[in-house]
Amino acid sequence: MTYKACFHVDLNDPNRLQLALNNVANFLNAKPEGKSVVVVNGPAVNLFRQGSADEVASRVRELGERGVGFQVCNNALHAFSIKEEELLPQCEVVAAGIVALIDLQNNGFAYIKP
């Protein structure tokens, strides 16, 4: 059985983001073969800008190297006037975060909201 999890981050709250990233790391430590994706929408897109806190950028880079995907909602980017090139390099822009969450769940990913 392949373990798959999608982690939903939608608040512009660094503490909540750290909790989510800790959850992802714990998941990978328990199931190294697992697949995980962090889906970012709403005000949380602000936390994934280049120049964000060094700790956030470092954790995202580290998890990206472990195979974690980071999908960022294009609708939220537009709402907060953020350009794709402003994002951390590990981020992939998706048309709509909510649709990405649905697609992942339809493909067997468990939904986790830290």
PDB file of N, CA and C in Angstrom:
ATOM      1  N   MET A   1       0.846  -1.180   0.000  1.00  0.00           N
ATOM      2  CA  MET A   1       0.000   0.000   0.000  1.00  0.00           C
ATOM      3  C   MET A   1       0.890   1.241   0.000  1.00  0.00           C
ATOM      4  N   THR A   2       0.588   2.151  -0.897  1.00  0.00           N
ATOM      5  CA  THR A   2       1.306   3.421  -0.933  1.00  0.00           C
ATOM      6  C   THR A   2       0.523   4.444  -0.129  1.00  0.00           C
ATOM      7  N   TYR A   3       1.195   5.071   0.815  1.00  0.00           N
ATOM      8  CA  TYR A   3       0.563   6.110   1.614  1.00  0.00           C
ATOM      9  C   TYR A   3       0.679   7.432   0.874  1.00  0.00           C
ATOM     10  N   LYS A   4      -0.459   8.130   0.750  1.00  0.00           N
ATOM     11  CA  LYS A   4      -0.492   9.412   0.048  1.00  0.00           C
ATOM     12  C   LYS A   4      -1.284  10.403   0.894  1.00  0.00           C
ATOM     13  N   ALA A   5      -0.727  11.606   1.035  1.00  0.00           N
ATOM     14  CA  ALA A   5      -1.400  12.620   1.851  1.00  0.00           C
ATOM     15  C   ALA A   5      -1.269  13.992   1.212  1.00  0.00           C
ATOM     16  N   CYS A   6      -2.364  14.747   1.260  1.00  0.00           N
ATOM     17  CA  CYS A   6      -2.311  16.154   0.853  1.00  0.00           C
ATOM     18  C   CYS A   6      -2.586  16.997   2.096  1.00  0.00           C
ATOM     19  N   PHE A   7      -1.739  17.986   2.284  1.00  0.00           N
ATOM     20  CA  PHE A   7      -1.807  18.873   3.439  1.00  0.00           C
ATOM     21  C   PHE A   7      -2.300  20.228   2.956  1.00  0.00           C
ATOM     22  N   HIS A   8      -3.385  20.712   3.533  1.00  0.00           N
ATOM     23  CA  HIS A   8      -4.017  21.953   3.095  1.00  0.00           C
ATOM     24  C   HIS A   8      -3.597  23.103   4.003  1.00  0.00           C
ATOM     25  N   VAL A   9      -2.994  24.130   3.399  1.00  0.00           N
ATOM     26  CA  VAL A   9      -2.561  25.317   4.140  1.00  0.00           C
ATOM     27  C   VAL A   9      -3.248  26.524   3.509  1.00  0.00           C
ATOM     28  N   ASP A  10      -4.061  27.242   4.296  1.00  0.00           N
ATOM     29  CA  ASP A  10      -4.787  28.377   3.727  1.00  0.00           C
ATOM     30  C   ASP A  10      -4.744  29.650   4.570  1.00  0.00           C
ATOM     31  N   LEU A  11      -4.046  29.628   5.686  1.00  0.00           N
ATOM     32  CA  LEU A  11      -3.979  30.810   6.549  1.00  0.00           C
ATOM     33  C   LEU A  11      -2.601  31.455   6.486  1.00  0.00           C
ATOM     34  N   ASN A  12      -2.563  32.765   6.537  1.00  0.00           N
ATOM     35  CA  ASN A  12      -1.297  33.507   6.570  1.00  0.00           C
ATOM     36  C   ASN A  12      -0.822  33.539   8.018  1.00  0.00           C
ATOM     37  N   ASP A  13      -0.452  32.365   8.503  1.00  0.00           N
ATOM     38  CA  ASP A  13      -0.072  32.183   9.901  1.00  0.00           C
ATOM     39  C   ASP A  13       1.199  31.334   9.946  1.00  0.00           C
ATOM     40  N   PRO A  14       2.354  31.953  10.209  1.00  0.00           N
ATOM     41  CA  PRO A  14       3.615  31.206  10.220  1.00  0.00           C
ATOM     42  C   PRO A  14       3.616  30.021  11.187  1.00  0.00           C
ATOM     43  N   ASN A  15       2.956  30.153  12.319  1.00  0.00           N
ATOM     44  CA  ASN A  15       2.904  29.040  13.276  1.00  0.00           C
ATOM     45  C   ASN A  15       2.113  27.863  12.712  1.00  0.00           C
ATOM     46  N   ARG A  16       1.004  28.157  12.057  1.00  0.00           N
ATOM     47  CA  ARG A  16       0.199  27.092  11.442  1.00  0.00           C
ATOM     48  C   ARG A  16       0.979  26.432  10.305  1.00  0.00           C
ATOM     49  N   LEU A  17       1.731  27.250   9.549  1.00  0.00           N
ATOM     50  CA  LEU A  17       2.548  26.688   8.474  1.00  0.00           C
ATOM     51  C   LEU A  17       3.615  25.756   9.044  1.00  0.00           C
ATOM     52  N   GLN A  18       4.272  26.164  10.121  1.00  0.00           N
ATOM     53  CA  GLN A  18       5.290  25.302  10.732  1.00  0.00           C
ATOM     54  C   GLN A  18       4.672  23.991  11.209  1.00  0.00           C
ATOM     55  N   LEU A  19       3.472  24.062  11.763  1.00  0.00           N
ATOM     56  CA  LEU A  19       2.765  22.847  12.171  1.00  0.00           C
ATOM     57  C   LEU A  19       2.539  21.940  10.964  1.00  0.00           C
ATOM     58  N   ALA A  20       2.090  22.521   9.861  1.00  0.00           N
ATOM     59  CA  ALA A  20       1.850  21.734   8.651  1.00  0.00           C
ATOM     60  C   ALA A  20       3.142  21.098   8.143  1.00  0.00           C
ATOM     61  N   LEU A  21       4.224  21.880   8.103  1.00  0.00           N
ATOM     62  CA  LEU A  21       5.499  21.351   7.621  1.00  0.00           C
ATOM     63  C   LEU A  21       6.031  20.269   8.559  1.00  0.00           C
ATOM     64  N   ASN A  22       5.799  20.430   9.858  1.00  0.00           N
ATOM     65  CA  ASN A  22       6.166  19.380  10.817  1.00  0.00           C
ATOM     66  C   ASN A  22       5.360  18.111  10.552  1.00  0.00           C
ATOM     67  N   ASN A  23       4.064  18.276  10.266  1.00  0.00           N
ATOM     68  CA  ASN A  23       3.221  17.118   9.945  1.00  0.00           C
ATOM     69  C   ASN A  23       3.744  16.383   8.720  1.00  0.00           C
ATOM     70  N   VAL A  24       4.138  17.134   7.700  1.00  0.00           N
ATOM     71  CA  VAL A  24       4.674  16.524   6.482  1.00  0.00           C
ATOM     72  C   VAL A  24       5.952  15.749   6.805  1.00  0.00           C
ATOM     73  N   ALA A  25       6.864  16.373   7.553  1.00  0.00           N
ATOM     74  CA  ALA A  25       8.123  15.709   7.918  1.00  0.00           C
ATOM     75  C   ALA A  25       7.855  14.451   8.740  1.00  0.00           C
ATOM     76  N   ASN A  26       6.923  14.525   9.677  1.00  0.00           N
ATOM     77  CA  ASN A  26       6.584  13.357  10.495  1.00  0.00           C
ATOM     78  C   ASN A  26       6.011  12.233   9.636  1.00  0.00           C
ATOM     79  N   PHE A  27       5.171  12.607   8.690  1.00  0.00           N
ATOM     80  CA  PHE A  27       4.606  11.626   7.759  1.00  0.00           C
ATOM     81  C   PHE A  27       5.726  10.921   6.993  1.00  0.00           C
ATOM     82  N   LEU A  28       6.666  11.704   6.449  1.00  0.00           N
ATOM     83  CA  LEU A  28       7.763  11.116   5.673  1.00  0.00           C
ATOM     84  C   LEU A  28       8.702  10.284   6.535  1.00  0.00           C
ATOM     85  N   ASN A  29       8.888  10.693   7.781  1.00  0.00           N
ATOM     86  CA  ASN A  29       9.728   9.900   8.684  1.00  0.00           C
ATOM     87  C   ASN A  29       9.084   8.548   8.982  1.00  0.00           C
ATOM     88  N   ALA A  30       7.758   8.538   9.107  1.00  0.00           N
ATOM     89  CA  ALA A  30       7.036   7.296   9.389  1.00  0.00           C
ATOM     90  C   ALA A  30       6.875   6.436   8.136  1.00  0.00           C
ATOM     91  N   LYS A  31       6.683   7.089   7.001  1.00  0.00           N
ATOM     92  CA  LYS A  31       6.444   6.391   5.731  1.00  0.00           C
ATOM     93  C   LYS A  31       7.328   7.013   4.650  1.00  0.00           C
ATOM     94  N   PRO A  32       8.629   6.696   4.650  1.00  0.00           N
ATOM     95  CA  PRO A  32       9.555   7.333   3.698  1.00  0.00           C
ATOM     96  C   PRO A  32       9.169   7.138   2.234  1.00  0.00           C
ATOM     97  N   GLU A  33       8.444   6.068   1.952  1.00  0.00           N
ATOM     98  CA  GLU A  33       8.019   5.819   0.574  1.00  0.00           C
ATOM     99  C   GLU A  33       6.730   6.567   0.237  1.00  0.00           C
ATOM    100  N   GLY A  34       6.156   7.245   1.208  1.00  0.00           N
ATOM    101  CA  GLY A  34       4.894   7.950   1.010  1.00  0.00           C
ATOM    102  C   GLY A  34       5.012   9.122   0.058  1.00  0.00           C
ATOM    103  N   LYS A  35       3.879   9.491  -0.498  1.00  0.00           N
ATOM    104  CA  LYS A  35       3.803  10.651  -1.393  1.00  0.00           C
ATOM    105  C   LYS A  35       3.029  11.740  -0.674  1.00  0.00           C
ATOM    106  N   SER A  36       3.524  12.965  -0.774  1.00  0.00           N
ATOM    107  CA  SER A  36       2.816  14.056  -0.107  1.00  0.00           C
ATOM    108  C   SER A  36       2.874  15.323  -0.936  1.00  0.00           C
ATOM    109  N   VAL A  37       1.792  16.074  -0.835  1.00  0.00           N
ATOM    110  CA  VAL A  37       1.650  17.350  -1.529  1.00  0.00           C
ATOM    111  C   VAL A  37       1.077  18.347  -0.537  1.00  0.00           C
ATOM    112  N   VAL A  38       1.646  19.547  -0.525  1.00  0.00           N
ATOM    113  CA  VAL A  38       1.102  20.649   0.262  1.00  0.00           C
ATOM    114  C   VAL A  38       0.361  21.547  -0.718  1.00  0.00           C
ATOM    115  N   VAL A  39      -0.933  21.752  -0.483  1.00  0.00           N
ATOM    116  CA  VAL A  39      -1.734  22.631  -1.334  1.00  0.00           C
ATOM    117  C   VAL A  39      -1.956  23.933  -0.576  1.00  0.00           C
ATOM    118  N   VAL A  40      -1.577  25.031  -1.228  1.00  0.00           N
ATOM    119  CA  VAL A  40      -1.599  26.351  -0.600  1.00  0.00           C
ATOM    120  C   VAL A  40      -2.600  27.228  -1.341  1.00  0.00           C
ATOM    121  N   ASN A  41      -3.546  27.801  -0.590  1.00  0.00           N
ATOM    122  CA  ASN A  41      -4.470  28.758  -1.195  1.00  0.00           C
ATOM    123  C   ASN A  41      -4.809  29.836  -0.177  1.00  0.00           C
ATOM    124  N   GLY A  42      -5.656  30.769  -0.582  1.00  0.00           N
ATOM    125  CA  GLY A  42      -6.040  31.860   0.312  1.00  0.00           C
ATOM    126  C   GLY A  42      -4.834  32.681   0.741  1.00  0.00           C
ATOM    127  N   PRO A  43      -4.933  33.332   1.889  1.00  0.00           N
ATOM    128  CA  PRO A  43      -3.862  34.214   2.354  1.00  0.00           C
ATOM    129  C   PRO A  43      -2.522  33.513   2.588  1.00  0.00           C
ATOM    130  N   ALA A  44      -2.526  32.185   2.691  1.00  0.00           N
ATOM    131  CA  ALA A  44      -1.276  31.452   2.932  1.00  0.00           C
ATOM    132  C   ALA A  44      -0.273  31.615   1.799  1.00  0.00           C
ATOM    133  N   VAL A  45      -0.734  32.015   0.609  1.00  0.00           N
ATOM    134  CA  VAL A  45       0.214  32.173  -0.503  1.00  0.00           C
ATOM    135  C   VAL A  45       1.308  33.184  -0.156  1.00  0.00           C
ATOM    136  N   ASN A  46       0.998  34.118   0.728  1.00  0.00           N
ATOM    137  CA  ASN A  46       1.995  35.118   1.137  1.00  0.00           C
ATOM    138  C   ASN A  46       3.201  34.493   1.825  1.00  0.00           C
ATOM    139  N   LEU A  47       3.031  33.347   2.449  1.00  0.00           N
ATOM    140  CA  LEU A  47       4.113  32.686   3.178  1.00  0.00           C
ATOM    141  C   LEU A  47       5.105  31.983   2.258  1.00  0.00           C
ATOM    142  N   PHE A  48       4.764  31.843   0.981  1.00  0.00           N
ATOM    143  CA  PHE A  48       5.599  31.093   0.040  1.00  0.00           C
ATOM    144  C   PHE A  48       6.331  31.988  -0.953  1.00  0.00           C
ATOM    145  N   ARG A  49       6.428  33.257  -0.628  1.00  0.00           N
ATOM    146  CA  ARG A  49       7.177  34.197  -1.465  1.00  0.00           C
ATOM    147  C   ARG A  49       8.670  34.046  -1.208  1.00  0.00           C
ATOM    148  N   GLN A  50       9.457  34.268  -2.263  1.00  0.00           N
ATOM    149  CA  GLN A  50      10.902  34.354  -2.066  1.00  0.00           C
ATOM    150  C   GLN A  50      11.147  35.506  -1.106  1.00  0.00           C
ATOM    151  N   GLY A  51      12.127  35.345  -0.246  1.00  0.00           N
ATOM    152  CA  GLY A  51      12.382  36.375   0.757  1.00  0.00           C
ATOM    153  C   GLY A  51      11.527  36.184   1.995  1.00  0.00           C
ATOM    154  N   SER A  52      10.720  35.103   2.007  1.00  0.00           N
ATOM    155  CA  SER A  52       9.960  34.798   3.218  1.00  0.00           C
ATOM    156  C   SER A  52      10.957  34.395   4.295  1.00  0.00           C
ATOM    157  N   ALA A  53      10.489  34.165   5.465  1.00  0.00           N
ATOM    158  CA  ALA A  53      11.377  33.811   6.576  1.00  0.00           C
ATOM    159  C   ALA A  53      12.336  32.701   6.154  1.00  0.00           C
ATOM    160  N   ASP A  54      13.597  32.860   6.524  1.00  0.00           N
ATOM    161  CA  ASP A  54      14.621  31.876   6.156  1.00  0.00           C
ATOM    162  C   ASP A  54      14.232  30.472   6.586  1.00  0.00           C
ATOM    163  N   GLU A  55      13.615  30.363   7.751  1.00  0.00           N
ATOM    164  CA  GLU A  55      13.229  29.048   8.262  1.00  0.00           C
ATOM    165  C   GLU A  55      12.196  28.394   7.349  1.00  0.00           C
ATOM    166  N   VAL A  56      11.240  29.187   6.857  1.00  0.00           N
ATOM    167  CA  VAL A  56      10.216  28.648   5.957  1.00  0.00           C
ATOM    168  C   VAL A  56      10.865  28.192   4.659  1.00  0.00           C
ATOM    169  N   ALA A  57      11.675  29.058   4.062  1.00  0.00           N
ATOM    170  CA  ALA A  57      12.324  28.724   2.791  1.00  0.00           C
ATOM    171  C   ALA A  57      13.193  27.481   2.940  1.00  0.00           C
ATOM    172  N   SER A  58      13.894  27.379   4.050  1.00  0.00           N
ATOM    173  CA  SER A  58      14.767  26.231   4.302  1.00  0.00           C
ATOM    174  C   SER A  58      13.960  24.943   4.439  1.00  0.00           C
ATOM    175  N   ARG A  59      12.871  24.999   5.179  1.00  0.00           N
ATOM    176  CA  ARG A  59      12.025  23.807   5.371  1.00  0.00           C
ATOM    177  C   ARG A  59      11.381  23.378   4.056  1.00  0.00           C
ATOM    178  N   VAL A  60      10.909  24.347   3.277  1.00  0.00           N
ATOM    179  CA  VAL A  60      10.287  24.028   1.990  1.00  0.00           C
ATOM    180  C   VAL A  60      11.324  23.390   1.063  1.00  0.00           C
ATOM    181  N   ARG A  61      12.525  23.942   1.033  1.00  0.00           N
ATOM    182  CA  ARG A  61      13.588  23.377   0.200  1.00  0.00           C
ATOM    183  C   ARG A  61      13.904  21.937   0.640  1.00  0.00           C
ATOM    184  N   GLU A  62      14.059  21.747   1.942  1.00  0.00           N
ATOM    185  CA  GLU A  62      14.376  20.420   2.484  1.00  0.00           C
ATOM    186  C   GLU A  62      13.292  19.400   2.141  1.00  0.00           C
ATOM    187  N   LEU A  63      12.039  19.781   2.336  1.00  0.00           N
ATOM    188  CA  LEU A  63      10.941  18.855   2.039  1.00  0.00           C
ATOM    189  C   LEU A  63      10.814  18.617   0.538  1.00  0.00           C
ATOM    190  N   GLY A  64      11.049  19.655  -0.254  1.00  0.00           N
ATOM    191  CA  GLY A  64      11.039  19.488  -1.707  1.00  0.00           C
ATOM    192  C   GLY A  64      12.078  18.476  -2.157  1.00  0.00           C
ATOM    193  N   GLU A  65      13.246  18.505  -1.516  1.00  0.00           N
ATOM    194  CA  GLU A  65      14.304  17.544  -1.834  1.00  0.00           C
ATOM    195  C   GLU A  65      13.903  16.123  -1.451  1.00  0.00           C
ATOM    196  N   ARG A  66      12.963  16.001  -0.541  1.00  0.00           N
ATOM    197  CA  ARG A  66      12.467  14.682  -0.124  1.00  0.00           C
ATOM    198  C   ARG A  66      11.269  14.241  -0.967  1.00  0.00           C
ATOM    199  N   GLY A  67      10.943  15.028  -1.995  1.00  0.00           N
ATOM    200  CA  GLY A  67       9.883  14.644  -2.917  1.00  0.00           C
ATOM    201  C   GLY A  67       8.525  15.252  -2.654  1.00  0.00           C
ATOM    202  N   VAL A  68       8.432  16.157  -1.688  1.00  0.00           N
ATOM    203  CA  VAL A  68       7.150  16.795  -1.385  1.00  0.00           C
ATOM    204  C   VAL A  68       6.833  17.821  -2.469  1.00  0.00           C
ATOM    205  N   GLY A  69       5.600  17.794  -2.954  1.00  0.00           N
ATOM    206  CA  GLY A  69       5.144  18.793  -3.913  1.00  0.00           C
ATOM    207  C   GLY A  69       4.480  19.957  -3.192  1.00  0.00           C
ATOM    208  N   PHE A  70       4.637  21.145  -3.739  1.00  0.00           N
ATOM    209  CA  PHE A  70       3.994  22.344  -3.201  1.00  0.00           C
ATOM    210  C   PHE A  70       3.181  22.968  -4.324  1.00  0.00           C
ATOM    211  N   GLN A  71       1.855  22.883  -4.217  1.00  0.00           N
ATOM    212  CA  GLN A  71       0.965  23.422  -5.236  1.00  0.00           C
ATOM    213  C   GLN A  71       0.307  24.686  -4.701  1.00  0.00           C
ATOM    214  N   VAL A  72       0.467  25.773  -5.444  1.00  0.00           N
ATOM    215  CA  VAL A  72      -0.021  27.078  -5.008  1.00  0.00           C
ATOM    216  C   VAL A  72      -1.131  27.535  -5.950  1.00  0.00           C
ATOM    217  N   CYS A  73      -2.216  27.994  -5.366  1.00  0.00           N
ATOM    218  CA  CYS A  73      -3.411  28.398  -6.102  1.00  0.00           C
ATOM    219  C   CYS A  73      -3.201  29.694  -6.888  1.00  0.00           C
ATOM    220  N   ASN A  74      -3.418  29.627  -8.193  1.00  0.00           N
ATOM    221  CA  ASN A  74      -3.294  30.803  -9.046  1.00  0.00           C
ATOM    222  C   ASN A  74      -4.354  31.852  -8.711  1.00  0.00           C
ATOM    223  N   ASN A  75      -5.552  31.415  -8.350  1.00  0.00           N
ATOM    224  CA  ASN A  75      -6.601  32.375  -7.985  1.00  0.00           C
ATOM    225  C   ASN A  75      -6.171  33.211  -6.785  1.00  0.00           C
ATOM    226  N   ALA A  76      -5.559  32.573  -5.803  1.00  0.00           N
ATOM    227  CA  ALA A  76      -5.094  33.297  -4.617  1.00  0.00           C
ATOM    228  C   ALA A  76      -3.934  34.221  -4.964  1.00  0.00           C
ATOM    229  N   LEU A  77      -3.053  33.773  -5.856  1.00  0.00           N
ATOM    230  CA  LEU A  77      -1.951  34.649  -6.275  1.00  0.00           C
ATOM    231  C   LEU A  77      -2.501  35.937  -6.870  1.00  0.00           C
ATOM    232  N   HIS A  78      -3.502  35.806  -7.733  1.00  0.00           N
ATOM    233  CA  HIS A  78      -4.122  36.995  -8.331  1.00  0.00           C
ATOM    234  C   HIS A  78      -4.795  37.857  -7.266  1.00  0.00           C
ATOM    235  N   ALA A  79      -5.491  37.230  -6.346  1.00  0.00           N
ATOM    236  CA  ALA A  79      -6.199  37.981  -5.302  1.00  0.00           C
ATOM    237  C   ALA A  79      -5.242  38.787  -4.432  1.00  0.00           C
ATOM    238  N   PHE A  80      -4.022  38.274  -4.239  1.00  0.00           N
ATOM    239  CA  PHE A  80      -3.046  38.955  -3.382  1.00  0.00           C
ATOM    240  C   PHE A  80      -1.938  39.631  -4.190  1.00  0.00           C
ATOM    241  N   SER A  81      -2.165  39.760  -5.494  1.00  0.00           N
ATOM    242  CA  SER A  81      -1.228  40.460  -6.400  1.00  0.00           C
ATOM    243  C   SER A  81       0.197  39.926  -6.288  1.00  0.00           C
ATOM    244  N   ILE A  82       0.323  38.610  -6.312  1.00  0.00           N
ATOM    245  CA  ILE A  82       1.627  37.954  -6.255  1.00  0.00           C
ATOM    246  C   ILE A  82       1.880  37.305  -7.610  1.00  0.00           C
ATOM    247  N   LYS A  83       3.061  37.549  -8.152  1.00  0.00           N
ATOM    248  CA  LYS A  83       3.432  36.955  -9.432  1.00  0.00           C
ATOM    249  C   LYS A  83       4.107  35.603  -9.193  1.00  0.00           C
ATOM    250  N   GLU A  84       3.939  34.712 -10.151  1.00  0.00           N
ATOM    251  CA  GLU A  84       4.507  33.366 -10.027  1.00  0.00           C
ATOM    252  C   GLU A  84       6.009  33.413  -9.763  1.00  0.00           C
ATOM    253  N   GLU A  85       6.710  34.325 -10.408  1.00  0.00           N
ATOM    254  CA  GLU A  85       8.168  34.401 -10.233  1.00  0.00           C
ATOM    255  C   GLU A  85       8.581  34.874  -8.843  1.00  0.00           C
ATOM    256  N   GLU A  86       7.631  35.353  -8.041  1.00  0.00           N
ATOM    257  CA  GLU A  86       7.921  35.765  -6.664  1.00  0.00           C
ATOM    258  C   GLU A  86       7.920  34.585  -5.690  1.00  0.00           C
ATOM    259  N   LEU A  87       7.452  33.433  -6.142  1.00  0.00           N
ATOM    260  CA  LEU A  87       7.317  32.274  -5.262  1.00  0.00           C
ATOM    261  C   LEU A  87       8.641  31.546  -5.075  1.00  0.00           C
ATOM    262  N   LEU A  88       8.721  30.802  -3.984  1.00  0.00           N
ATOM    263  CA  LEU A  88       9.862  29.917  -3.769  1.00  0.00           C
ATOM    264  C   LEU A  88       9.946  28.947  -4.948  1.00  0.00           C
ATOM    265  N   PRO A  89      11.154  28.564  -5.347  1.00  0.00           N
ATOM    266  CA  PRO A  89      11.297  27.735  -6.552  1.00  0.00           C
ATOM    267  C   PRO A  89      10.646  26.357  -6.465  1.00  0.00           C
ATOM    268  N   GLN A  90      10.367  25.873  -5.282  1.00  0.00           N
ATOM    269  CA  GLN A  90       9.749  24.550  -5.139  1.00  0.00           C
ATOM    270  C   GLN A  90       8.253  24.570  -5.466  1.00  0.00           C
ATOM    271  N   CYS A  91       7.689  25.744  -5.623  1.00  0.00           N
ATOM    272  CA  CYS A  91       6.244  25.874  -5.813  1.00  0.00           C
ATOM    273  C   CYS A  91       5.838  25.660  -7.264  1.00  0.00           C
ATOM    274  N   GLU A  92       4.742  24.945  -7.416  1.00  0.00           N
ATOM    275  CA  GLU A  92       4.100  24.751  -8.714  1.00  0.00           C
ATOM    276  C   GLU A  92       2.753  25.467  -8.641  1.00  0.00           C
ATOM    277  N   VAL A  93       2.461  26.299  -9.612  1.00  0.00           N
ATOM    278  CA  VAL A  93       1.188  27.013  -9.618  1.00  0.00           C
ATOM    279  C   VAL A  93       0.135  26.134 -10.280  1.00  0.00           C
ATOM    280  N   VAL A  94      -1.011  26.009  -9.602  1.00  0.00           N
ATOM    281  CA  VAL A  94      -2.153  25.274 -10.141  1.00  0.00           C
ATOM    282  C   VAL A  94      -3.303  26.257 -10.316  1.00  0.00           C
ATOM    283  N   ALA A  95      -4.190  25.959 -11.234  1.00  0.00           N
ATOM    284  CA  ALA A  95      -5.268  26.891 -11.554  1.00  0.00           C
ATOM    285  C   ALA A  95      -6.115  27.244 -10.336  1.00  0.00           C
ATOM    286  N   ALA A  96      -6.501  26.241  -9.574  1.00  0.00           N
ATOM    287  CA  ALA A  96      -7.358  26.465  -8.410  1.00  0.00           C
ATOM    288  C   ALA A  96      -6.988  25.469  -7.313  1.00  0.00           C
ATOM    289  N   GLY A  97      -6.669  25.980  -6.149  1.00  0.00           N
ATOM    290  CA  GLY A  97      -6.266  25.125  -5.038  1.00  0.00           C
ATOM    291  C   GLY A  97      -7.336  24.128  -4.637  1.00  0.00           C
ATOM    292  N   ILE A  98      -8.575  24.565  -4.636  1.00  0.00           N
ATOM    293  CA  ILE A  98      -9.674  23.679  -4.239  1.00  0.00           C
ATOM    294  C   ILE A  98      -9.805  22.516  -5.220  1.00  0.00           C
ATOM    295  N   VAL A  99      -9.671  22.808  -6.506  1.00  0.00           N
ATOM    296  CA  VAL A  99      -9.741  21.739  -7.507  1.00  0.00           C
ATOM    297  C   VAL A  99      -8.562  20.782  -7.332  1.00  0.00           C
ATOM    298  N   ALA A 100      -7.380  21.321  -7.028  1.00  0.00           N
ATOM    299  CA  ALA A 100      -6.210  20.467  -6.778  1.00  0.00           C
ATOM    300  C   ALA A 100      -6.479  19.530  -5.603  1.00  0.00           C
ATOM    301  N   LEU A 101      -7.085  20.055  -4.537  1.00  0.00           N
ATOM    302  CA  LEU A 101      -7.415  19.214  -3.381  1.00  0.00           C
ATOM    303  C   LEU A 101      -8.382  18.095  -3.766  1.00  0.00           C
ATOM    304  N   ILE A 102      -9.379  18.432  -4.559  1.00  0.00           N
ATOM    305  CA  ILE A 102     -10.355  17.428  -4.996  1.00  0.00           C
ATOM    306  C   ILE A 102      -9.675  16.379  -5.871  1.00  0.00           C
ATOM    307  N   ASP A 103      -8.851  16.836  -6.817  1.00  0.00           N
ATOM    308  CA  ASP A 103      -8.146  15.894  -7.696  1.00  0.00           C
ATOM    309  C   ASP A 103      -7.264  14.941  -6.890  1.00  0.00           C
ATOM    310  N   LEU A 104      -6.523  15.491  -5.934  1.00  0.00           N
ATOM    311  CA  LEU A 104      -5.652  14.647  -5.112  1.00  0.00           C
ATOM    312  C   LEU A 104      -6.462  13.616  -4.330  1.00  0.00           C
ATOM    313  N   GLN A 105      -7.581  14.052  -3.743  1.00  0.00           N
ATOM    314  CA  GLN A 105      -8.410  13.116  -2.983  1.00  0.00           C
ATOM    315  C   GLN A 105      -9.020  12.053  -3.893  1.00  0.00           C
ATOM    316  N   ASN A 106      -9.419  12.459  -5.100  1.00  0.00           N
ATOM    317  CA  ASN A 106      -9.953  11.487  -6.053  1.00  0.00           C
ATOM    318  C   ASN A 106      -8.896  10.482  -6.493  1.00  0.00           C
ATOM    319  N   ASN A 107      -7.624  10.840  -6.323  1.00  0.00           N
ATOM    320  CA  ASN A 107      -6.513   9.952  -6.674  1.00  0.00           C
ATOM    321  C   ASN A 107      -5.925   9.256  -5.450  1.00  0.00           C
ATOM    322  N   GLY A 108      -6.699   9.201  -4.372  1.00  0.00           N
ATOM    323  CA  GLY A 108      -6.314   8.401  -3.219  1.00  0.00           C
ATOM    324  C   GLY A 108      -5.497   9.098  -2.148  1.00  0.00           C
ATOM    325  N   PHE A 109      -5.317  10.414  -2.253  1.00  0.00           N
ATOM    326  CA  PHE A 109      -4.583  11.148  -1.226  1.00  0.00           C
ATOM    327  C   PHE A 109      -5.512  11.454  -0.055  1.00  0.00           C
ATOM    328  N   ALA A 110      -5.041  11.184   1.149  1.00  0.00           N
ATOM    329  CA  ALA A 110      -5.800  11.540   2.348  1.00  0.00           C
ATOM    330  C   ALA A 110      -5.690  13.047   2.552  1.00  0.00           C
ATOM    331  N   TYR A 111      -6.783  13.672   2.953  1.00  0.00           N
ATOM    332  CA  TYR A 111      -6.819  15.115   3.204  1.00  0.00           C
ATOM    333  C   TYR A 111      -6.448  15.378   4.655  1.00  0.00           C
ATOM    334  N   ILE A 112      -5.460  16.243   4.856  1.00  0.00           N
ATOM    335  CA  ILE A 112      -5.033  16.611   6.207  1.00  0.00           C
ATOM    336  C   ILE A 112      -5.021  18.123   6.306  1.00  0.00           C
ATOM    337  N   LYS A 113      -5.696  18.642   7.320  1.00  0.00           N
ATOM    338  CA  LYS A 113      -5.767  20.089   7.560  1.00  0.00           C
ATOM    339  C   LYS A 113      -5.147  20.361   8.920  1.00  0.00           C
ATOM    340  N   PRO A 114      -3.845  20.683   8.942  1.00  0.00           N
ATOM    341  CA  PRO A 114      -3.183  20.944  10.239  1.00  0.00           C
ATOM    342  C   PRO A 114      -3.729  22.191  10.915  1.00  0.00           C
TER     343      PRO A 114
END
